[in-house]
Amino acid sequence: MAKPKKKTQKNNPKNNSGMVSAEPEKLDPDTASEAINVLIVGVGGQGVIMVSKVLARICQNLGYQVKQSEVHGMAKRGGVVFSHVRFGKEVWSPTIPAGKADVLIALEWAEGLRWMNFLRPDSGIFIADTKRIVPPFACRSRVLGADIGYSKDTPKDVREKIAEAFALDATEMARKAGNEQAANTLLLGALSTALTFPDQAWKDVIAEMVPPKTIEVNLKVFDQGQRWIDGSRKGEPVEGAAFVPLVQPEKNNVRTTLEIVEEWCKGCDICVKMCPERCLVLNKNQVAELEDPEKCTGCHICEWLCPDFAISLNPISQEAVA
């Protein structure tokens, strides 16, 4: 299939997320001369594998050859997870070579940036959640207020490198819709706008693969993801378009208080193992608790990695610290 060439910045209108808004031809496996390649990336706990399985199942249902390759040995919350999905009339290899991905779906911002070199430089589509999960190794300095070693690239920076790119706060949009964990389904809706598959094919498989109690909210956010891309391409106001830069902590004496919702904590002990200061423990009820508040630097790693959203850190005012 002939691929549209990358447009120059001068002729490339921007959508509300500051990204490219030109509408490309949809990817059609019936007319493509080679397999269509979709790369899904993120971190453990975000549902990367679920996204790839939904796409693979749809391809099978529609009669295409499909091959899927995934790495999820680090699928515990915070570890890198990625999945290659290739489909078409004939597919030989399960892995996507660098520079050959037609679409890159990123459930976490830095992971999207890390895998950009896998996109086709002239026609690749970049769709990323602006959700940021800062890994522990990004917090090398244990000094209160130390800089975080996380990418500072913005959607504007990505736009200079990719044929078509979109950045949306899928996690926040899904949270407002009723289930933050449905952010991956919202990105499936965004992905569906790049392919010729009928909407009902997507919805049937999603309904099969998500928990029965969440079918309604998942279908709702799927539609929302589609509308977001369509509205963004048309230059219409869209929710979730803002990209908030990662703010480095101020170097001052402001500290934080850590709160844990006991009813939500399932005792997975991820926060205990990943805390750089070793100030969290599991109590006799297998619920996380802060054993040594003085050691806590407010790095937010426990809050970001908690799969049950049971942990929150709140700043203590200067007056309270004094």
Protein backbone atom coordinates (compact mmCIF):
# COMPACT_ATOMS: atom_id res chain seq x y z
CA MET A 1 0.00 0.00 0.00
CA ALA A 2 1.31 3.40 -0.91
CA LYS A 3 2.18 5.39 2.17
CA PRO A 4 1.55 9.14 2.47
CA LYS A 5 4.78 11.06 2.71
CA LYS A 6 5.57 13.11 5.75
CA LYS A 7 4.40 16.66 5.36
CA THR A 8 6.50 19.64 6.17
CA GLN A 9 5.78 21.57 9.31
CA LYS A 10 4.67 24.56 7.22
CA ASN A 11 1.82 22.61 5.62
CA ASN A 12 1.02 20.51 8.65
CA PRO A 13 -1.86 21.97 10.72
CA LYS A 14 -1.78 21.20 14.42
CA ASN A 15 -4.53 19.68 16.48
CA ASN A 16 -5.46 20.70 20.00
CA SER A 17 -2.73 18.56 21.54
CA GLY A 18 -0.08 20.38 19.54
CA MET A 19 0.27 17.36 17.26
CA VAL A 20 -0.09 16.78 13.52
CA SER A 21 -3.71 16.86 12.36
CA ALA A 22 -3.55 15.72 8.72
CA GLU A 23 -5.87 12.72 8.19
CA PRO A 24 -4.06 9.81 6.52
CA GLU A 25 -5.48 6.92 4.56
CA LYS A 26 -6.56 4.10 6.87
CA LEU A 27 -4.45 0.95 6.99
CA ASP A 28 -6.21 -1.83 5.07
CA PRO A 29 -4.81 -5.38 5.26
CA ASP A 30 -6.80 -6.33 2.13
CA THR A 31 -4.86 -3.90 -0.06
CA ALA A 32 -1.55 -3.76 1.80
CA SER A 33 1.41 -5.30 -0.01
CA GLU A 34 2.90 -6.50 3.28
CA ALA A 35 1.86 -7.19 6.86
CA ILE A 36 0.55 -4.28 8.92
CA ASN A 37 2.57 -3.75 12.08
CA VAL A 38 1.25 -2.41 15.39
CA LEU A 39 3.57 -2.03 18.38
CA ILE A 40 2.05 -1.62 21.86
CA VAL A 41 4.29 -0.50 24.73
CA GLY A 42 3.93 0.50 28.37
CA VAL A 43 4.72 -0.74 31.86
CA GLY A 44 3.38 -3.58 33.95
CA GLY A 45 -0.17 -3.18 35.20
CA GLN A 46 -1.38 -0.90 32.40
CA GLY A 47 -2.95 -3.58 30.20
CA VAL A 48 -0.48 -3.69 27.30
CA ILE A 49 -1.06 -7.41 26.73
CA MET A 50 -4.83 -6.93 26.83
CA VAL A 51 -4.58 -4.36 24.01
CA SER A 52 -2.51 -6.71 21.86
CA LYS A 53 -4.82 -9.66 22.51
CA VAL A 54 -7.90 -7.65 21.54
CA LEU A 55 -6.25 -6.57 18.29
CA ALA A 56 -5.03 -10.10 17.52
CA ARG A 57 -8.48 -11.60 18.19
CA ILE A 58 -10.16 -9.07 15.89
CA CYS A 59 -7.71 -9.92 13.11
CA GLN A 60 -8.42 -13.63 13.56
CA ASN A 61 -12.17 -13.07 13.55
CA LEU A 62 -11.89 -11.13 10.29
CA GLY A 63 -9.93 -13.93 8.65
CA TYR A 64 -6.42 -12.46 8.54
CA GLN A 65 -3.18 -14.14 9.41
CA VAL A 66 -1.87 -12.70 12.65
CA LYS A 67 1.26 -13.17 14.69
CA GLN A 68 1.81 -11.75 18.16
CA SER A 69 5.02 -11.48 20.15
CA GLU A 70 5.22 -10.09 23.65
CA VAL A 71 7.61 -9.54 26.53
CA HIS A 72 5.95 -9.48 29.93
CA GLY A 73 8.52 -10.99 32.26
CA MET A 74 8.66 -7.55 33.89
CA ALA A 75 4.89 -7.23 33.96
CA LYS A 76 4.83 -6.48 37.67
CA ARG A 77 3.84 -2.85 38.13
CA GLY A 78 6.68 -0.64 36.91
CA GLY A 79 8.46 -3.11 34.59
CA VAL A 80 8.68 -2.55 30.83
CA VAL A 81 6.11 -4.47 28.76
CA PHE A 82 5.75 -4.50 24.98
CA SER A 83 3.91 -6.50 22.35
CA HIS A 84 4.29 -6.79 18.56
CA VAL A 85 1.16 -7.53 16.51
CA ARG A 86 1.51 -8.22 12.78
CA PHE A 87 -1.44 -9.08 10.54
CA GLY A 88 -2.44 -9.29 6.89
CA LYS A 89 -2.94 -11.79 4.08
CA GLU A 90 0.39 -13.42 4.82
CA VAL A 91 2.62 -12.97 7.87
CA TRP A 92 5.94 -14.74 8.35
CA SER A 93 7.63 -13.24 11.40
CA PRO A 94 6.09 -12.31 14.78
CA THR A 95 8.46 -9.41 15.44
CA ILE A 96 8.51 -5.91 13.95
CA PRO A 97 11.87 -4.62 12.69
CA ALA A 98 12.98 -1.14 13.70
CA GLY A 99 11.55 1.48 11.34
CA LYS A 100 8.68 -0.76 10.17
CA ALA A 101 5.87 -0.18 12.69
CA ASP A 102 2.79 1.41 11.12
CA VAL A 103 1.30 2.36 14.49
CA LEU A 104 2.89 2.79 17.91
CA ILE A 105 0.48 2.72 20.87
CA ALA A 106 2.10 3.87 24.12
CA LEU A 107 0.30 3.52 27.44
CA GLU A 108 3.09 5.44 29.17
CA TRP A 109 4.77 8.58 27.83
CA ALA A 110 8.46 7.72 28.25
CA GLU A 111 7.95 4.23 26.82
CA GLY A 112 6.42 5.80 23.72
CA LEU A 113 9.48 8.01 23.31
CA ARG A 114 11.79 5.04 23.84
CA TRP A 115 10.23 3.07 20.97
CA MET A 116 9.79 5.88 18.43
CA ASN A 117 12.61 4.56 16.25
CA PHE A 118 10.43 1.54 15.45
CA LEU A 119 7.91 3.71 13.58
CA ARG A 120 8.04 4.13 9.82
CA PRO A 121 9.70 7.54 9.44
CA ASP A 122 7.47 8.69 6.56
CA SER A 123 4.06 7.37 7.62
CA GLY A 124 4.12 6.02 11.18
CA ILE A 125 1.29 6.94 13.56
CA PHE A 126 2.17 7.70 17.18
CA ILE A 127 -0.65 7.52 19.77
CA ALA A 128 0.40 7.95 23.39
CA ASP A 129 -1.13 8.42 26.80
CA THR A 130 0.60 11.28 28.59
CA LYS A 131 0.52 9.16 31.75
CA ARG A 132 3.96 9.18 33.35
CA ILE A 133 5.19 6.42 35.64
CA VAL A 134 8.64 7.41 36.85
CA PRO A 135 10.83 4.31 37.37
CA PRO A 136 12.90 3.97 40.55
CA PHE A 137 16.21 4.37 38.70
CA ALA A 138 15.08 7.86 37.65
CA CYS A 139 15.34 8.90 41.30
CA ARG A 140 19.03 8.21 41.78
CA SER A 141 19.60 11.10 44.16
CA ARG A 142 17.98 10.64 47.55
CA VAL A 143 18.28 14.33 48.42
CA LEU A 144 14.90 15.93 49.08
CA GLY A 145 13.98 17.98 46.02
CA ALA A 146 16.55 16.31 43.72
CA ASP A 147 15.93 16.34 39.96
CA ILE A 148 14.06 13.37 38.50
CA GLY A 149 15.77 11.65 35.59
CA TYR A 150 12.70 11.41 33.36
CA SER A 151 12.35 12.56 29.75
CA LYS A 152 11.38 16.20 29.35
CA ASP A 153 10.24 15.78 25.72
CA THR A 154 6.80 17.21 24.96
CA PRO A 155 4.25 16.50 22.19
CA LYS A 156 5.70 19.45 20.29
CA ASP A 157 9.10 17.72 20.30
CA VAL A 158 7.55 14.49 19.03
CA ARG A 159 5.72 16.32 16.25
CA GLU A 160 9.04 17.27 14.69
CA LYS A 161 10.00 13.61 14.27
CA ILE A 162 6.82 11.68 13.42
CA ALA A 163 4.55 11.72 10.36
CA GLU A 164 1.41 11.78 12.51
CA ALA A 165 1.28 11.90 16.29
CA PHE A 166 -1.30 12.26 19.06
CA ALA A 167 -0.87 12.72 22.81
CA LEU A 168 -3.89 12.46 25.09
CA ASP A 169 -4.43 12.07 28.80
CA ALA A 170 -6.20 8.74 28.39
CA THR A 171 -5.80 7.79 32.04
CA GLU A 172 -7.52 10.92 33.31
CA MET A 173 -10.25 10.65 30.67
CA ALA A 174 -10.93 7.04 31.69
CA ARG A 175 -10.98 8.04 35.36
CA LYS A 176 -13.63 10.66 34.66
CA ALA A 177 -15.62 8.07 32.70
CA GLY A 178 -15.69 5.81 35.76
CA ASN A 179 -12.70 3.47 35.58
CA GLU A 180 -9.09 4.63 35.35
CA GLN A 181 -7.97 1.13 34.38
CA ALA A 182 -9.97 1.40 31.13
CA ALA A 183 -7.36 3.80 29.70
CA ASN A 184 -6.02 0.99 27.52
CA THR A 185 -9.47 0.52 25.97
CA LEU A 186 -9.65 4.25 25.28
CA LEU A 187 -6.39 3.90 23.35
CA LEU A 188 -7.92 0.97 21.45
CA GLY A 189 -10.60 3.40 20.33
CA ALA A 190 -7.88 5.76 19.15
CA LEU A 191 -6.13 2.89 17.34
CA SER A 192 -9.36 1.88 15.59
CA THR A 193 -9.35 5.17 13.67
CA ALA A 194 -6.17 4.08 11.88
CA LEU A 195 -7.57 0.74 10.64
CA THR A 196 -10.43 -0.25 8.34
CA PHE A 197 -11.97 -2.73 10.78
CA PRO A 198 -15.69 -2.15 11.53
CA ASP A 199 -16.52 -0.67 14.93
CA GLN A 200 -18.70 -3.62 15.89
CA ALA A 201 -15.77 -6.02 15.44
CA TRP A 202 -13.84 -4.04 18.05
CA LYS A 203 -16.74 -3.80 20.47
CA ASP A 204 -17.63 -7.49 20.27
CA VAL A 205 -14.09 -8.56 21.20
CA ILE A 206 -13.75 -5.93 23.94
CA ALA A 207 -17.02 -7.14 25.49
CA GLU A 208 -15.65 -10.70 25.44
CA MET A 209 -12.32 -9.88 27.05
CA VAL A 210 -13.07 -7.38 29.82
CA PRO A 211 -14.77 -8.23 33.14
CA PRO A 212 -18.57 -8.28 32.71
CA LYS A 213 -19.09 -5.46 35.21
CA THR A 214 -16.82 -3.16 33.20
CA ILE A 215 -18.23 -3.76 29.70
CA GLU A 216 -20.31 -0.58 29.73
CA VAL A 217 -17.50 1.75 30.79
CA ASN A 218 -15.03 0.07 28.41
CA LEU A 219 -17.33 0.55 25.43
CA LYS A 220 -17.94 4.12 26.55
CA VAL A 221 -14.24 5.01 26.62
CA PHE A 222 -13.66 3.16 23.33
CA ASP A 223 -16.10 5.56 21.67
CA GLN A 224 -14.44 8.43 23.52
CA GLY A 225 -11.04 7.48 22.10
CA GLN A 226 -12.45 7.47 18.58
CA ARG A 227 -14.10 10.86 19.06
CA TRP A 228 -10.90 12.30 20.50
CA ILE A 229 -8.85 11.42 17.41
CA ASP A 230 -11.59 12.55 15.01
CA GLY A 231 -12.09 15.83 16.84
CA SER A 232 -8.38 16.44 17.14
CA ARG A 233 -7.86 15.97 13.40
CA LYS A 234 -10.64 18.44 12.68
CA GLY A 235 -9.14 20.99 15.05
CA GLU A 236 -12.14 20.85 17.38
CA PRO A 237 -11.75 21.38 21.16
CA VAL A 238 -11.08 18.00 22.75
CA GLU A 239 -10.83 16.88 26.35
CA GLY A 240 -7.53 15.58 27.61
CA ALA A 241 -5.37 17.44 25.09
CA ALA A 242 -3.25 19.32 27.60
CA PHE A 243 0.24 18.05 28.29
CA VAL A 244 1.50 19.14 31.69
CA PRO A 245 5.31 19.18 31.88
CA LEU A 246 6.85 17.04 34.58
CA VAL A 247 7.61 19.51 37.34
CA GLN A 248 10.87 18.97 39.17
CA PRO A 249 10.43 19.16 42.95
CA GLU A 250 11.43 22.41 44.58
CA LYS A 251 14.49 22.30 46.77
CA ASN A 252 12.90 23.32 50.05
CA ASN A 253 11.82 21.86 53.35
CA VAL A 254 8.26 21.03 52.32
CA ARG A 255 7.53 17.42 53.17
CA THR A 256 4.65 15.10 52.41
CA THR A 257 2.27 12.95 54.36
CA LEU A 258 1.57 9.47 53.03
CA GLU A 259 -1.98 8.12 53.22
CA ILE A 260 -2.96 4.49 52.57
CA VAL A 261 -6.56 3.37 52.07
CA GLU A 262 -6.52 0.04 53.92
CA GLU A 263 -9.68 -1.24 52.23
CA TRP A 264 -8.04 -0.90 48.81
CA CYS A 265 -4.63 -2.37 49.66
CA LYS A 266 -4.33 -6.04 48.62
CA GLY A 267 -0.92 -6.59 50.20
CA CYS A 268 0.94 -7.06 46.91
CA ASP A 269 4.03 -5.49 48.58
CA ILE A 270 5.19 -3.73 45.39
CA CYS A 271 5.46 -0.45 47.28
CA VAL A 272 7.44 -2.14 50.07
CA LYS A 273 9.96 -3.66 47.66
CA MET A 274 10.33 -0.60 45.44
CA CYS A 275 10.59 2.10 48.12
CA PRO A 276 14.13 3.51 47.80
CA GLU A 277 14.19 4.44 51.49
CA ARG A 278 12.78 1.14 52.79
CA CYS A 279 10.32 3.02 54.96
CA LEU A 280 7.23 0.94 54.05
CA VAL A 281 6.29 -2.44 55.50
CA LEU A 282 3.35 -4.85 55.46
CA ASN A 283 1.67 -5.03 58.84
CA LYS A 284 0.17 -8.16 60.43
CA ASN A 285 -2.96 -7.67 58.32
CA GLN A 286 -0.87 -7.63 55.12
CA VAL A 287 -1.63 -3.96 54.56
CA ALA A 288 1.10 -1.48 53.65
CA GLU A 289 1.98 1.11 56.25
CA LEU A 290 4.63 3.79 56.71
CA GLU A 291 7.04 2.45 59.33
CA ASP A 292 9.47 5.38 59.41
CA PRO A 293 7.96 8.71 58.27
CA GLU A 294 11.28 10.53 58.76
CA LYS A 295 12.90 8.50 55.98
CA CYS A 296 10.20 9.30 53.39
CA THR A 297 11.47 11.82 50.81
CA GLY A 298 8.13 12.18 49.04
CA CYS A 299 9.45 10.66 45.79
CA HIS A 300 5.92 9.37 44.91
CA ILE A 301 7.25 6.03 43.62
CA CYS A 302 4.91 4.04 45.89
CA GLU A 303 1.96 6.15 44.77
CA TRP A 304 2.77 5.75 41.07
CA LEU A 305 3.40 2.00 41.26
CA CYS A 306 0.43 0.98 43.42
CA PRO A 307 -1.87 -1.08 41.13
CA ASP A 308 -4.82 -0.52 43.48
CA PHE A 309 -4.44 3.29 43.74
CA ALA A 310 -4.44 2.88 47.52
CA ILE A 311 -1.56 5.28 48.21
CA SER A 312 -1.54 9.07 48.00
CA LEU A 313 1.03 11.66 49.04
CA ASN A 314 -0.05 15.13 50.09
CA PRO A 315 2.24 18.10 50.78
CA ILE A 316 2.57 19.54 54.26
CA SER A 317 2.66 23.31 54.31
CA GLN A 318 5.78 25.28 55.25
CA GLU A 319 4.06 26.40 58.44
CA ALA A 320 3.34 22.82 59.43
CA VAL A 321 6.94 21.81 58.78
CA ALA A 322 8.25 24.72 60.85
